[in-house]
């Protein structure tokens, strides 16, 4: 596809500008493309291969290659980390993310990546646990509690439902009790824990290393 400069360029005053400008005419005859974006440019936080695509077309394309992994985040205290977890879930093409507790959550950290993901809400821990059992998904809790296995040496189920808790209290006692597997991230410094968004990213990447097809050669 011919387009104005893709990726990152310099805007007015030398400021860095993400995306592409208006598409030169004639426009490609492709039903995936959005006329508004073709007309005015595409500055969204998406890969260059998705420039000018309709949101629904991007979701449909991602659905053809999503991983079997799901990730759940407990939202009991309106945690600001949820957006960052969702953004990472999008980067790793996680099948769906689950919100447990409050339906509303701070989407700012997601950088609108939640628009391209499937979101499942559970009013409480029991609802999540029942859903996991009904869908035959092993619950893998991520927390540094007594008996937690080092994630670095632990095989993770291909259809795992990874669960992270709130910043501070961690995964709720009800989910820990129901978990098929409890793993922790090995630490070597003085801090007693790491940020929940960072922990979720490490856990998802650990699953990726075990189950995803990693490309050979440079990523760019």
N, C-alpha and C. Protein backbone atom coordinates (compact mmCIF):
# COMPACT_ATOMS: atom_id res chain seq x y z
N UNK A 1 0.84 -1.18 0.00
CA UNK A 1 0.00 0.00 0.00
C UNK A 1 0.88 1.24 0.00
N UNK A 2 0.61 2.15 -0.91
CA UNK A 2 1.34 3.41 -0.93
C UNK A 2 0.72 4.34 0.09
N UNK A 3 1.56 5.02 0.86
CA UNK A 3 1.03 5.90 1.89
C UNK A 3 2.02 7.00 2.16
N UNK A 4 1.53 8.02 2.87
CA UNK A 4 2.45 8.99 3.41
C UNK A 4 3.35 8.26 4.38
N UNK A 5 4.41 8.90 4.77
CA UNK A 5 5.45 8.26 5.57
C UNK A 5 4.88 7.48 6.74
N UNK A 6 5.20 6.18 6.84
CA UNK A 6 4.67 5.33 7.90
C UNK A 6 5.54 5.44 9.14
N UNK A 7 4.97 4.94 10.26
CA UNK A 7 5.73 4.90 11.50
C UNK A 7 5.80 6.26 12.15
N UNK A 8 6.99 6.66 12.57
CA UNK A 8 7.16 7.92 13.26
C UNK A 8 7.86 8.92 12.35
N UNK A 9 7.35 10.14 12.33
CA UNK A 9 7.98 11.20 11.56
C UNK A 9 8.03 12.46 12.40
N UNK A 10 8.40 13.56 11.79
CA UNK A 10 8.48 14.84 12.48
C UNK A 10 7.34 15.73 12.05
N UNK A 11 6.63 16.24 13.04
CA UNK A 11 5.52 17.13 12.76
C UNK A 11 5.96 18.57 12.83
N UNK A 12 5.00 19.50 12.92
CA UNK A 12 5.32 20.92 13.00
C UNK A 12 6.25 21.21 14.18
N UNK A 13 7.25 22.04 13.96
CA UNK A 13 8.17 22.39 15.03
C UNK A 13 9.16 21.30 15.37
N UNK A 14 9.21 20.26 14.56
CA UNK A 14 10.15 19.17 14.82
C UNK A 14 9.66 18.16 15.84
N UNK A 15 8.41 18.29 16.30
CA UNK A 15 7.88 17.33 17.28
C UNK A 15 7.67 15.98 16.62
N UNK A 16 7.91 14.91 17.39
CA UNK A 16 7.73 13.57 16.85
C UNK A 16 6.26 13.28 16.66
N UNK A 17 5.92 12.75 15.51
CA UNK A 17 4.53 12.48 15.17
C UNK A 17 4.39 11.01 14.79
N UNK A 18 3.42 10.36 15.39
CA UNK A 18 3.21 8.94 15.15
C UNK A 18 2.18 8.74 14.05
N UNK A 19 2.39 7.75 13.20
CA UNK A 19 1.39 7.40 12.21
C UNK A 19 1.66 7.97 10.83
N UNK A 20 0.58 8.12 10.09
CA UNK A 20 0.67 8.58 8.70
C UNK A 20 -0.37 9.66 8.45
N UNK A 21 -0.11 10.47 7.43
CA UNK A 21 -1.05 11.51 7.03
C UNK A 21 -2.10 10.97 6.07
N UNK A 22 -2.85 11.87 5.42
CA UNK A 22 -3.88 11.45 4.46
C UNK A 22 -3.27 10.57 3.35
N UNK A 23 -4.04 9.59 2.93
CA UNK A 23 -3.58 8.69 1.88
C UNK A 23 -3.76 9.36 0.52
N UNK A 24 -2.74 9.31 -0.34
CA UNK A 24 -2.91 9.91 -1.67
C UNK A 24 -3.98 9.17 -2.48
N UNK A 25 -4.66 9.92 -3.30
CA UNK A 25 -5.67 9.31 -4.19
C UNK A 25 -5.00 8.84 -5.48
N UNK A 26 -5.58 7.83 -6.12
CA UNK A 26 -6.83 7.14 -5.77
C UNK A 26 -6.63 6.19 -4.60
N UNK A 27 -7.65 6.03 -3.78
CA UNK A 27 -7.57 5.15 -2.62
C UNK A 27 -7.67 3.69 -3.05
N UNK A 28 -7.00 2.80 -2.32
CA UNK A 28 -7.11 1.37 -2.62
C UNK A 28 -8.54 0.87 -2.42
N UNK A 29 -8.94 -0.07 -3.25
CA UNK A 29 -10.28 -0.68 -3.12
C UNK A 29 -10.18 -1.84 -2.13
N UNK A 30 -10.22 -1.51 -0.86
CA UNK A 30 -10.04 -2.52 0.19
C UNK A 30 -11.09 -2.26 1.26
N UNK A 31 -12.03 -3.19 1.46
CA UNK A 31 -13.12 -2.96 2.43
C UNK A 31 -12.64 -2.82 3.87
N UNK A 32 -11.39 -3.20 4.16
CA UNK A 32 -10.87 -3.07 5.52
C UNK A 32 -10.53 -1.62 5.85
N UNK A 33 -10.40 -0.78 4.85
CA UNK A 33 -9.93 0.58 5.07
C UNK A 33 -11.08 1.52 5.45
N UNK A 34 -10.75 2.49 6.29
CA UNK A 34 -11.72 3.45 6.79
C UNK A 34 -11.59 4.75 6.00
N UNK A 35 -12.64 5.18 5.30
CA UNK A 35 -12.56 6.41 4.50
C UNK A 35 -12.15 7.64 5.32
N UNK A 36 -12.59 7.72 6.56
CA UNK A 36 -12.23 8.86 7.40
C UNK A 36 -10.72 8.90 7.64
N UNK A 37 -10.14 7.75 7.90
CA UNK A 37 -8.70 7.69 8.14
C UNK A 37 -7.93 7.95 6.84
N UNK A 38 -8.43 7.42 5.75
CA UNK A 38 -7.78 7.69 4.46
C UNK A 38 -7.78 9.19 4.15
N UNK A 39 -8.88 9.83 4.49
CA UNK A 39 -9.03 11.25 4.20
C UNK A 39 -8.17 12.14 5.10
N UNK A 40 -8.11 11.79 6.38
CA UNK A 40 -7.49 12.70 7.35
C UNK A 40 -6.17 12.18 7.95
N UNK A 41 -5.82 10.95 7.68
CA UNK A 41 -4.60 10.39 8.27
C UNK A 41 -4.91 9.48 9.45
N UNK A 42 -3.92 8.68 9.83
CA UNK A 42 -4.10 7.69 10.90
C UNK A 42 -2.98 7.86 11.92
N UNK A 43 -3.33 8.43 13.07
CA UNK A 43 -2.35 8.66 14.14
C UNK A 43 -2.58 7.73 15.33
N UNK A 44 -3.27 6.64 15.12
CA UNK A 44 -3.58 5.72 16.21
C UNK A 44 -2.34 4.93 16.65
N UNK A 45 -2.45 4.36 17.84
CA UNK A 45 -1.39 3.52 18.38
C UNK A 45 -1.56 2.09 17.86
N UNK A 46 -1.26 1.91 16.57
CA UNK A 46 -1.37 0.59 15.94
C UNK A 46 -0.11 0.31 15.12
N UNK A 47 0.13 -0.97 14.85
CA UNK A 47 1.23 -1.36 13.98
C UNK A 47 1.01 -0.76 12.59
N UNK A 48 2.11 -0.51 11.88
CA UNK A 48 2.00 0.09 10.55
C UNK A 48 1.17 -0.76 9.59
N UNK A 49 1.17 -2.08 9.78
CA UNK A 49 0.39 -2.93 8.88
C UNK A 49 -1.10 -2.68 8.99
N UNK A 50 -1.52 -2.02 10.08
CA UNK A 50 -2.94 -1.75 10.28
C UNK A 50 -3.31 -0.29 9.98
N UNK A 51 -2.39 0.47 9.38
CA UNK A 51 -2.70 1.86 9.07
C UNK A 51 -3.91 1.96 8.13
N UNK A 52 -4.82 2.83 8.49
CA UNK A 52 -6.05 3.14 7.76
C UNK A 52 -7.12 2.06 7.91
N UNK A 53 -6.83 0.99 8.64
CA UNK A 53 -7.83 -0.07 8.78
C UNK A 53 -8.95 0.36 9.74
N UNK A 54 -10.17 -0.11 9.47
CA UNK A 54 -11.26 0.04 10.42
C UNK A 54 -10.94 -0.75 11.70
N UNK A 55 -11.45 -0.28 12.83
CA UNK A 55 -11.20 -0.99 14.09
C UNK A 55 -11.71 -2.43 14.02
N UNK A 56 -12.90 -2.62 13.45
CA UNK A 56 -13.48 -3.96 13.37
C UNK A 56 -12.61 -4.89 12.52
N UNK A 57 -11.99 -4.33 11.50
CA UNK A 57 -11.12 -5.14 10.63
C UNK A 57 -9.86 -5.55 11.38
N UNK A 58 -9.33 -4.65 12.20
CA UNK A 58 -8.14 -4.99 12.99
C UNK A 58 -8.47 -6.09 13.99
N UNK A 59 -9.61 -5.97 14.67
CA UNK A 59 -10.01 -7.00 15.64
C UNK A 59 -10.17 -8.34 14.94
N UNK A 60 -10.81 -8.35 13.78
CA UNK A 60 -11.02 -9.59 13.04
C UNK A 60 -9.69 -10.22 12.63
N UNK A 61 -8.74 -9.39 12.21
CA UNK A 61 -7.43 -9.91 11.83
C UNK A 61 -6.69 -10.48 13.04
N UNK A 62 -6.74 -9.78 14.16
CA UNK A 62 -6.10 -10.27 15.37
C UNK A 62 -6.73 -11.58 15.85
N UNK A 63 -8.03 -11.71 15.63
CA UNK A 63 -8.73 -12.93 16.06
C UNK A 63 -8.22 -14.18 15.35
N UNK A 64 -7.60 -14.00 14.19
CA UNK A 64 -7.09 -15.16 13.46
C UNK A 64 -5.78 -15.68 14.05
N UNK A 65 -5.16 -14.90 14.95
CA UNK A 65 -3.84 -15.30 15.45
C UNK A 65 -3.68 -15.08 16.95
N UNK A 66 -4.77 -14.92 17.68
CA UNK A 66 -4.65 -14.72 19.12
C UNK A 66 -4.16 -16.00 19.80
N UNK A 67 -3.45 -15.80 20.90
CA UNK A 67 -2.95 -16.94 21.66
C UNK A 67 -4.03 -17.51 22.58
N UNK A 68 -3.78 -18.72 23.05
CA UNK A 68 -4.74 -19.38 23.94
C UNK A 68 -4.75 -18.84 25.35
N UNK A 69 -3.82 -17.98 25.67
CA UNK A 69 -3.70 -17.42 27.00
C UNK A 69 -4.78 -16.37 27.27
N UNK A 70 -5.32 -16.39 28.50
CA UNK A 70 -6.17 -15.33 29.00
C UNK A 70 -5.53 -14.74 30.25
N UNK A 71 -5.83 -13.49 30.55
CA UNK A 71 -5.29 -12.86 31.76
C UNK A 71 -6.43 -12.15 32.49
N UNK A 72 -6.45 -12.30 33.81
CA UNK A 72 -7.48 -11.66 34.63
C UNK A 72 -6.84 -10.73 35.64
N UNK A 73 -7.51 -9.60 35.87
CA UNK A 73 -7.03 -8.61 36.82
C UNK A 73 -8.13 -8.32 37.82
N UNK A 74 -7.82 -8.42 39.10
CA UNK A 74 -8.80 -8.08 40.12
C UNK A 74 -8.86 -6.56 40.27
N UNK A 75 -10.07 -6.04 40.22
CA UNK A 75 -10.30 -4.60 40.27
C UNK A 75 -11.14 -4.27 41.49
N UNK A 76 -10.57 -4.51 42.66
CA UNK A 76 -11.31 -4.33 43.90
C UNK A 76 -11.16 -2.93 44.47
N UNK A 77 -10.07 -2.26 44.11
CA UNK A 77 -9.79 -0.94 44.67
C UNK A 77 -9.53 0.09 43.57
N UNK A 78 -10.06 -0.14 42.39
CA UNK A 78 -9.88 0.77 41.24
C UNK A 78 -8.39 0.98 40.96
N UNK A 79 -7.70 -0.08 40.70
CA UNK A 79 -6.25 -0.06 40.51
C UNK A 79 -5.87 0.59 39.18
N UNK A 80 -4.95 1.55 39.23
CA UNK A 80 -4.52 2.26 38.02
C UNK A 80 -3.60 1.41 37.15
N UNK A 81 -3.17 0.24 37.63
CA UNK A 81 -2.27 -0.61 36.86
C UNK A 81 -3.00 -1.39 35.76
N UNK A 82 -4.30 -1.46 35.83
CA UNK A 82 -5.05 -2.32 34.91
C UNK A 82 -4.78 -1.95 33.45
N UNK A 83 -4.76 -0.67 33.14
CA UNK A 83 -4.52 -0.24 31.77
C UNK A 83 -3.20 -0.75 31.22
N UNK A 84 -2.16 -0.72 32.05
CA UNK A 84 -0.85 -1.21 31.61
C UNK A 84 -0.89 -2.71 31.36
N UNK A 85 -1.62 -3.45 32.19
CA UNK A 85 -1.75 -4.89 31.99
C UNK A 85 -2.45 -5.17 30.67
N UNK A 86 -3.50 -4.43 30.39
CA UNK A 86 -4.26 -4.63 29.14
C UNK A 86 -3.39 -4.30 27.93
N UNK A 87 -2.61 -3.24 28.04
CA UNK A 87 -1.71 -2.88 26.92
C UNK A 87 -0.73 -4.01 26.63
N UNK A 88 -0.18 -4.61 27.68
CA UNK A 88 0.73 -5.74 27.48
C UNK A 88 -0.01 -6.94 26.90
N UNK A 89 -1.23 -7.18 27.37
CA UNK A 89 -2.02 -8.29 26.84
C UNK A 89 -2.24 -8.12 25.34
N UNK A 90 -2.45 -6.89 24.91
CA UNK A 90 -2.61 -6.63 23.48
C UNK A 90 -1.31 -6.92 22.74
N UNK A 91 -0.18 -6.48 23.30
CA UNK A 91 1.11 -6.69 22.64
C UNK A 91 1.41 -8.16 22.44
N UNK A 92 0.95 -9.01 23.36
CA UNK A 92 1.21 -10.44 23.27
C UNK A 92 0.05 -11.21 22.66
N UNK A 93 -0.93 -10.50 22.09
CA UNK A 93 -2.08 -11.13 21.42
C UNK A 93 -2.78 -12.14 22.33
N UNK A 94 -2.99 -11.73 23.57
CA UNK A 94 -3.72 -12.56 24.53
C UNK A 94 -5.16 -12.71 24.06
N UNK A 95 -5.71 -13.90 24.23
CA UNK A 95 -7.04 -14.19 23.72
C UNK A 95 -8.11 -13.27 24.27
N UNK A 96 -8.05 -12.96 25.58
CA UNK A 96 -9.01 -12.06 26.20
C UNK A 96 -8.46 -11.63 27.55
N UNK A 97 -8.93 -10.49 28.02
CA UNK A 97 -8.61 -10.09 29.38
C UNK A 97 -9.89 -10.02 30.19
N UNK A 98 -9.77 -10.33 31.47
CA UNK A 98 -10.91 -10.40 32.37
C UNK A 98 -10.75 -9.36 33.47
N UNK A 99 -11.83 -8.66 33.78
CA UNK A 99 -11.86 -7.73 34.89
C UNK A 99 -12.74 -8.34 35.98
N UNK A 100 -12.18 -8.47 37.19
CA UNK A 100 -12.90 -9.08 38.31
C UNK A 100 -13.21 -7.99 39.33
N UNK A 101 -14.49 -7.79 39.62
CA UNK A 101 -14.88 -6.76 40.58
C UNK A 101 -15.54 -5.60 39.88
N UNK A 102 -15.03 -4.39 40.12
CA UNK A 102 -15.61 -3.20 39.51
C UNK A 102 -15.57 -3.29 37.99
N UNK A 103 -16.69 -2.98 37.37
CA UNK A 103 -16.73 -3.02 35.91
C UNK A 103 -15.93 -1.87 35.31
N UNK A 104 -15.97 -0.71 35.96
CA UNK A 104 -15.23 0.45 35.47
C UNK A 104 -13.78 0.36 35.93
N UNK A 105 -12.87 0.71 35.03
CA UNK A 105 -11.46 0.72 35.37
C UNK A 105 -10.76 1.83 34.61
N UNK A 106 -9.61 2.23 35.09
CA UNK A 106 -8.86 3.34 34.51
C UNK A 106 -8.23 2.89 33.20
N UNK A 107 -8.76 3.37 32.08
CA UNK A 107 -8.31 2.91 30.76
C UNK A 107 -7.15 3.73 30.21
N UNK A 108 -6.74 4.74 30.92
CA UNK A 108 -5.71 5.63 30.38
C UNK A 108 -4.42 4.89 30.04
N UNK A 109 -3.98 4.00 30.93
CA UNK A 109 -2.73 3.29 30.68
C UNK A 109 -2.80 2.30 29.54
N UNK A 110 -4.01 1.95 29.11
CA UNK A 110 -4.16 0.99 28.01
C UNK A 110 -3.81 1.60 26.66
N UNK A 111 -3.74 2.93 26.60
CA UNK A 111 -3.40 3.62 25.34
C UNK A 111 -4.32 3.16 24.20
N UNK A 112 -5.59 3.02 24.51
CA UNK A 112 -6.69 2.60 23.62
C UNK A 112 -6.50 1.21 23.01
N UNK A 113 -5.53 0.44 23.50
CA UNK A 113 -5.36 -0.93 23.00
C UNK A 113 -6.53 -1.83 23.40
N UNK A 114 -7.27 -1.45 24.44
CA UNK A 114 -8.43 -2.25 24.86
C UNK A 114 -9.48 -2.34 23.76
N UNK A 115 -9.47 -1.37 22.83
CA UNK A 115 -10.45 -1.39 21.73
C UNK A 115 -10.24 -2.59 20.81
N UNK A 116 -9.07 -3.16 20.84
CA UNK A 116 -8.75 -4.27 19.94
C UNK A 116 -8.69 -5.61 20.67
N UNK A 117 -9.10 -5.61 21.94
CA UNK A 117 -9.10 -6.82 22.75
C UNK A 117 -10.51 -7.23 23.12
N UNK A 118 -10.66 -8.48 23.54
CA UNK A 118 -11.94 -8.97 24.04
C UNK A 118 -11.92 -8.88 25.56
N UNK A 119 -12.90 -8.19 26.11
CA UNK A 119 -12.99 -7.97 27.55
C UNK A 119 -14.14 -8.78 28.14
N UNK A 120 -13.87 -9.48 29.23
CA UNK A 120 -14.89 -10.26 29.92
C UNK A 120 -14.94 -9.78 31.36
N UNK A 121 -16.12 -9.45 31.83
CA UNK A 121 -16.28 -8.94 33.19
C UNK A 121 -16.87 -9.99 34.11
N UNK A 122 -16.35 -10.04 35.34
CA UNK A 122 -16.86 -10.92 36.38
C UNK A 122 -17.14 -10.09 37.62
N UNK A 123 -18.33 -10.14 38.16
CA UNK A 123 -18.65 -9.29 39.32
C UNK A 123 -17.85 -9.65 40.58
N UNK A 124 -17.42 -10.89 40.68
CA UNK A 124 -16.65 -11.28 41.87
C UNK A 124 -15.78 -12.48 41.54
N UNK A 125 -14.98 -12.90 42.53
CA UNK A 125 -14.03 -14.00 42.33
C UNK A 125 -14.75 -15.30 41.99
N UNK A 126 -15.86 -15.58 42.65
CA UNK A 126 -16.59 -16.83 42.39
C UNK A 126 -17.03 -16.92 40.94
N UNK A 127 -17.46 -15.80 40.40
CA UNK A 127 -17.91 -15.80 39.00
C UNK A 127 -16.75 -16.14 38.07
N UNK A 128 -15.57 -15.59 38.35
CA UNK A 128 -14.38 -15.91 37.54
C UNK A 128 -14.02 -17.39 37.67
N UNK A 129 -14.03 -17.88 38.89
CA UNK A 129 -13.68 -19.29 39.13
C UNK A 129 -14.65 -20.22 38.41
N UNK A 130 -15.95 -19.93 38.51
CA UNK A 130 -16.95 -20.75 37.82
C UNK A 130 -16.75 -20.69 36.31
N UNK A 131 -16.44 -19.50 35.79
CA UNK A 131 -16.20 -19.36 34.34
C UNK A 131 -15.01 -20.21 33.93
N UNK A 132 -13.94 -20.17 34.71
CA UNK A 132 -12.74 -20.94 34.37
C UNK A 132 -13.04 -22.44 34.37
N UNK A 133 -13.80 -22.89 35.33
CA UNK A 133 -14.15 -24.32 35.39
C UNK A 133 -15.03 -24.70 34.20
N UNK A 134 -16.02 -23.86 33.89
CA UNK A 134 -16.92 -24.15 32.77
C UNK A 134 -16.17 -24.20 31.45
N UNK A 135 -15.12 -23.41 31.31
CA UNK A 135 -14.36 -23.34 30.06
C UNK A 135 -13.07 -24.16 30.12
N UNK A 136 -12.93 -24.96 31.16
CA UNK A 136 -11.79 -25.86 31.33
C UNK A 136 -10.46 -25.12 31.19
N UNK A 137 -10.38 -23.98 31.87
CA UNK A 137 -9.16 -23.18 31.87
C UNK A 137 -8.51 -23.25 33.25
N UNK A 138 -7.29 -23.76 33.34
CA UNK A 138 -6.58 -23.80 34.62
C UNK A 138 -6.30 -22.37 35.11
N UNK A 139 -6.57 -22.13 36.36
CA UNK A 139 -6.29 -20.84 36.97
C UNK A 139 -4.86 -20.83 37.49
N UNK A 140 -4.08 -19.87 37.01
CA UNK A 140 -2.70 -19.71 37.44
C UNK A 140 -2.58 -18.36 38.13
N UNK A 141 -2.47 -18.39 39.45
CA UNK A 141 -2.36 -17.16 40.22
C UNK A 141 -0.90 -16.72 40.27
N UNK A 142 -0.68 -15.41 40.10
CA UNK A 142 0.66 -14.85 40.14
C UNK A 142 0.79 -14.06 41.45
N UNK A 143 1.53 -14.64 42.41
CA UNK A 143 1.68 -13.96 43.71
C UNK A 143 2.83 -14.59 44.48
N UNK A 144 3.53 -13.78 45.25
CA UNK A 144 4.61 -14.28 46.09
C UNK A 144 4.04 -14.65 47.45
N UNK A 145 3.44 -15.83 47.51
CA UNK A 145 2.87 -16.34 48.75
C UNK A 145 3.54 -17.66 49.10
N UNK A 146 3.30 -18.13 50.31
CA UNK A 146 3.87 -19.39 50.75
C UNK A 146 3.49 -20.52 49.79
N UNK A 147 4.49 -21.27 49.32
CA UNK A 147 4.24 -22.39 48.43
C UNK A 147 4.25 -22.05 46.95
N UNK A 148 4.37 -20.76 46.59
CA UNK A 148 4.40 -20.38 45.18
C UNK A 148 5.64 -20.95 44.50
N UNK A 149 5.45 -21.48 43.30
CA UNK A 149 6.56 -22.05 42.54
C UNK A 149 7.24 -20.97 41.70
N UNK A 150 8.54 -21.07 41.47
CA UNK A 150 9.20 -20.07 40.62
C UNK A 150 8.70 -20.16 39.19
N UNK A 151 8.18 -19.07 38.66
CA UNK A 151 7.61 -19.09 37.32
C UNK A 151 8.68 -19.43 36.29
N UNK A 152 9.94 -19.11 36.59
CA UNK A 152 11.02 -19.34 35.65
C UNK A 152 11.28 -20.82 35.38
N UNK A 153 10.82 -21.69 36.29
CA UNK A 153 11.05 -23.13 36.15
C UNK A 153 9.76 -23.94 36.10
N UNK A 154 8.64 -23.27 35.95
CA UNK A 154 7.35 -23.95 36.03
C UNK A 154 6.64 -23.96 34.68
N UNK A 155 6.28 -25.14 34.16
CA UNK A 155 5.50 -25.20 32.92
C UNK A 155 4.12 -24.57 33.13
N UNK A 156 3.73 -23.71 32.23
CA UNK A 156 2.43 -23.05 32.31
C UNK A 156 1.48 -23.70 31.31
N UNK A 157 0.23 -23.96 31.70
CA UNK A 157 -0.72 -24.57 30.76
C UNK A 157 -0.93 -23.71 29.52
N UNK A 158 -1.11 -24.37 28.39
CA UNK A 158 -1.29 -23.65 27.13
C UNK A 158 -2.56 -22.81 27.13
N UNK A 159 -3.58 -23.24 27.87
CA UNK A 159 -4.84 -22.50 27.93
C UNK A 159 -5.02 -21.85 29.29
N UNK A 160 -3.93 -21.39 29.87
CA UNK A 160 -3.95 -20.83 31.22
C UNK A 160 -4.78 -19.56 31.30
N UNK A 161 -5.37 -19.36 32.47
CA UNK A 161 -5.98 -18.10 32.85
C UNK A 161 -5.09 -17.52 33.94
N UNK A 162 -4.19 -16.61 33.56
CA UNK A 162 -3.30 -15.98 34.53
C UNK A 162 -4.09 -14.93 35.31
N UNK A 163 -3.91 -14.92 36.62
CA UNK A 163 -4.63 -13.97 37.46
C UNK A 163 -3.64 -13.16 38.28
N UNK A 164 -3.76 -11.84 38.18
CA UNK A 164 -2.97 -10.94 39.03
C UNK A 164 -3.93 -10.16 39.90
N UNK A 165 -3.44 -9.80 41.09
CA UNK A 165 -4.30 -9.12 42.05
C UNK A 165 -4.06 -7.63 42.09
N UNK A 166 -4.50 -7.03 43.18
CA UNK A 166 -4.34 -5.60 43.38
C UNK A 166 -2.91 -5.27 43.79
N UNK A 167 -2.50 -4.06 43.49
CA UNK A 167 -1.22 -3.55 43.99
C UNK A 167 -1.30 -3.51 45.52
N UNK A 168 -0.40 -4.23 46.17
CA UNK A 168 -0.40 -4.26 47.64
C UNK A 168 -0.92 -5.58 48.16
N UNK A 169 -2.26 -5.77 48.22
CA UNK A 169 -2.79 -7.01 48.79
C UNK A 169 -2.57 -8.25 47.93
N UNK A 170 -2.34 -8.10 46.64
CA UNK A 170 -2.11 -9.25 45.78
C UNK A 170 -3.40 -9.97 45.42
N UNK A 171 -3.26 -11.23 44.99
CA UNK A 171 -4.42 -12.02 44.58
C UNK A 171 -5.27 -12.33 45.80
N UNK A 172 -6.58 -12.26 45.64
CA UNK A 172 -7.50 -12.50 46.76
C UNK A 172 -7.40 -13.94 47.24
N UNK A 173 -7.73 -14.13 48.51
CA UNK A 173 -7.65 -15.45 49.13
C UNK A 173 -8.54 -16.46 48.42
N UNK A 174 -9.71 -16.02 47.95
CA UNK A 174 -10.64 -16.94 47.28
C UNK A 174 -10.05 -17.49 46.00
N UNK A 175 -9.41 -16.64 45.21
CA UNK A 175 -8.81 -17.11 43.97
C UNK A 175 -7.56 -17.94 44.25
N UNK A 176 -6.76 -17.56 45.23
CA UNK A 176 -5.59 -18.37 45.59
C UNK A 176 -6.01 -19.78 45.99
N UNK A 177 -7.09 -19.89 46.75
CA UNK A 177 -7.56 -21.20 47.20
C UNK A 177 -8.06 -22.05 46.03
N UNK A 178 -8.61 -21.40 45.01
CA UNK A 178 -9.16 -22.14 43.86
C UNK A 178 -8.13 -22.38 42.77
N UNK A 179 -6.97 -21.74 42.85
CA UNK A 179 -5.99 -21.80 41.77
C UNK A 179 -5.47 -23.22 41.56
N UNK A 180 -5.31 -23.59 40.30
CA UNK A 180 -4.70 -24.87 39.95
C UNK A 180 -3.19 -24.81 40.10
N UNK A 181 -2.65 -23.59 40.06
CA UNK A 181 -1.21 -23.39 40.13
C UNK A 181 -0.97 -21.98 40.66
N UNK A 182 -0.02 -21.86 41.58
CA UNK A 182 0.38 -20.55 42.10
C UNK A 182 1.87 -20.39 41.84
N UNK A 183 2.21 -19.34 41.12
CA UNK A 183 3.61 -19.11 40.78
C UNK A 183 4.01 -17.70 41.21
N UNK A 184 5.30 -17.55 41.47
CA UNK A 184 5.84 -16.25 41.82
C UNK A 184 7.05 -15.95 40.96
N UNK A 185 7.40 -14.68 40.89
CA UNK A 185 8.56 -14.23 40.11
C UNK A 185 9.75 -14.13 41.05
N UNK A 186 10.79 -14.85 40.75
CA UNK A 186 11.97 -14.87 41.60
C UNK A 186 12.61 -13.49 41.65
N UNK A 187 12.89 -13.01 42.86
CA UNK A 187 13.50 -11.70 43.05
C UNK A 187 14.82 -11.84 43.79
N UNK A 188 15.71 -10.91 43.52
CA UNK A 188 17.06 -11.00 44.07
C UNK A 188 17.50 -9.73 44.80
N UNK A 189 16.64 -8.73 44.85
CA UNK A 189 17.00 -7.47 45.49
C UNK A 189 16.39 -7.33 46.87
N UNK A 190 16.28 -6.09 47.34
CA UNK A 190 15.81 -5.84 48.69
C UNK A 190 14.30 -5.62 48.78
N UNK A 191 13.65 -5.29 47.66
CA UNK A 191 12.22 -5.01 47.71
C UNK A 191 11.43 -6.29 47.93
N UNK A 192 10.31 -6.19 48.61
CA UNK A 192 9.50 -7.37 48.91
C UNK A 192 8.58 -7.76 47.76
N UNK A 193 8.37 -6.84 46.82
CA UNK A 193 7.50 -7.15 45.69
C UNK A 193 7.80 -6.20 44.54
N UNK A 194 7.25 -6.52 43.38
CA UNK A 194 7.37 -5.63 42.24
C UNK A 194 5.98 -5.18 41.82
N UNK A 195 5.92 -4.10 41.06
CA UNK A 195 4.67 -3.54 40.60
C UNK A 195 3.82 -4.60 39.89
N UNK A 196 2.51 -4.57 40.12
CA UNK A 196 1.63 -5.61 39.59
C UNK A 196 1.60 -5.60 38.06
N UNK A 197 1.71 -4.42 37.45
CA UNK A 197 1.73 -4.37 35.98
C UNK A 197 3.00 -5.01 35.45
N UNK A 198 4.13 -4.78 36.13
CA UNK A 198 5.38 -5.42 35.74
C UNK A 198 5.30 -6.92 35.94
N UNK A 199 4.72 -7.35 37.04
CA UNK A 199 4.58 -8.79 37.31
C UNK A 199 3.72 -9.46 36.25
N UNK A 200 2.63 -8.80 35.86
CA UNK A 200 1.76 -9.36 34.82
C UNK A 200 2.50 -9.48 33.50
N UNK A 201 3.30 -8.47 33.17
CA UNK A 201 4.06 -8.51 31.91
C UNK A 201 5.05 -9.66 31.91
N UNK A 202 5.75 -9.85 33.04
CA UNK A 202 6.71 -10.95 33.13
C UNK A 202 6.00 -12.29 33.01
N UNK A 203 4.85 -12.42 33.67
CA UNK A 203 4.10 -13.67 33.62
C UNK A 203 3.62 -13.98 32.20
N UNK A 204 3.09 -12.98 31.52
CA UNK A 204 2.63 -13.19 30.15
C UNK A 204 3.80 -13.56 29.24
N UNK A 205 4.92 -12.88 29.43
CA UNK A 205 6.07 -13.19 28.59
C UNK A 205 6.62 -14.58 28.89
N UNK A 206 6.54 -15.02 30.13
CA UNK A 206 6.95 -16.38 30.47
C UNK A 206 6.10 -17.39 29.70
N UNK A 207 4.80 -17.12 29.61
CA UNK A 207 3.92 -18.00 28.83
C UNK A 207 4.32 -17.95 27.35
N UNK A 208 4.60 -16.75 26.84
CA UNK A 208 4.99 -16.60 25.44
C UNK A 208 6.23 -17.43 25.14
N UNK A 209 7.22 -17.39 26.01
CA UNK A 209 8.45 -18.14 25.79
C UNK A 209 8.19 -19.65 25.72
N UNK A 210 7.16 -20.11 26.41
CA UNK A 210 6.86 -21.54 26.43
C UNK A 210 5.96 -21.99 25.29
N UNK A 211 5.11 -21.11 24.79
CA UNK A 211 4.06 -21.57 23.89
C UNK A 211 3.97 -20.86 22.53
N UNK A 212 4.52 -19.67 22.41
CA UNK A 212 4.34 -18.92 21.16
C UNK A 212 5.43 -19.26 20.15
N UNK A 213 5.12 -18.98 18.90
CA UNK A 213 6.10 -19.14 17.83
C UNK A 213 6.94 -17.87 17.76
N UNK A 214 8.18 -17.95 18.20
CA UNK A 214 9.05 -16.78 18.23
C UNK A 214 9.74 -16.65 16.87
N UNK A 215 9.63 -15.50 16.22
CA UNK A 215 10.25 -15.35 14.90
C UNK A 215 11.77 -15.38 14.99
N UNK A 216 12.38 -15.85 13.94
CA UNK A 216 13.84 -15.84 13.86
C UNK A 216 14.30 -14.55 13.17
N UNK A 217 15.45 -14.08 13.57
CA UNK A 217 15.99 -12.87 12.94
C UNK A 217 15.47 -11.61 13.60
N UNK A 218 15.80 -10.46 13.04
CA UNK A 218 15.43 -9.16 13.61
C UNK A 218 13.91 -8.99 13.65
N UNK A 219 13.44 -8.24 14.65
CA UNK A 219 12.00 -7.96 14.77
C UNK A 219 11.58 -6.79 13.89
N UNK A 220 12.54 -5.97 13.50
CA UNK A 220 12.24 -4.83 12.63
C UNK A 220 13.20 -4.82 11.47
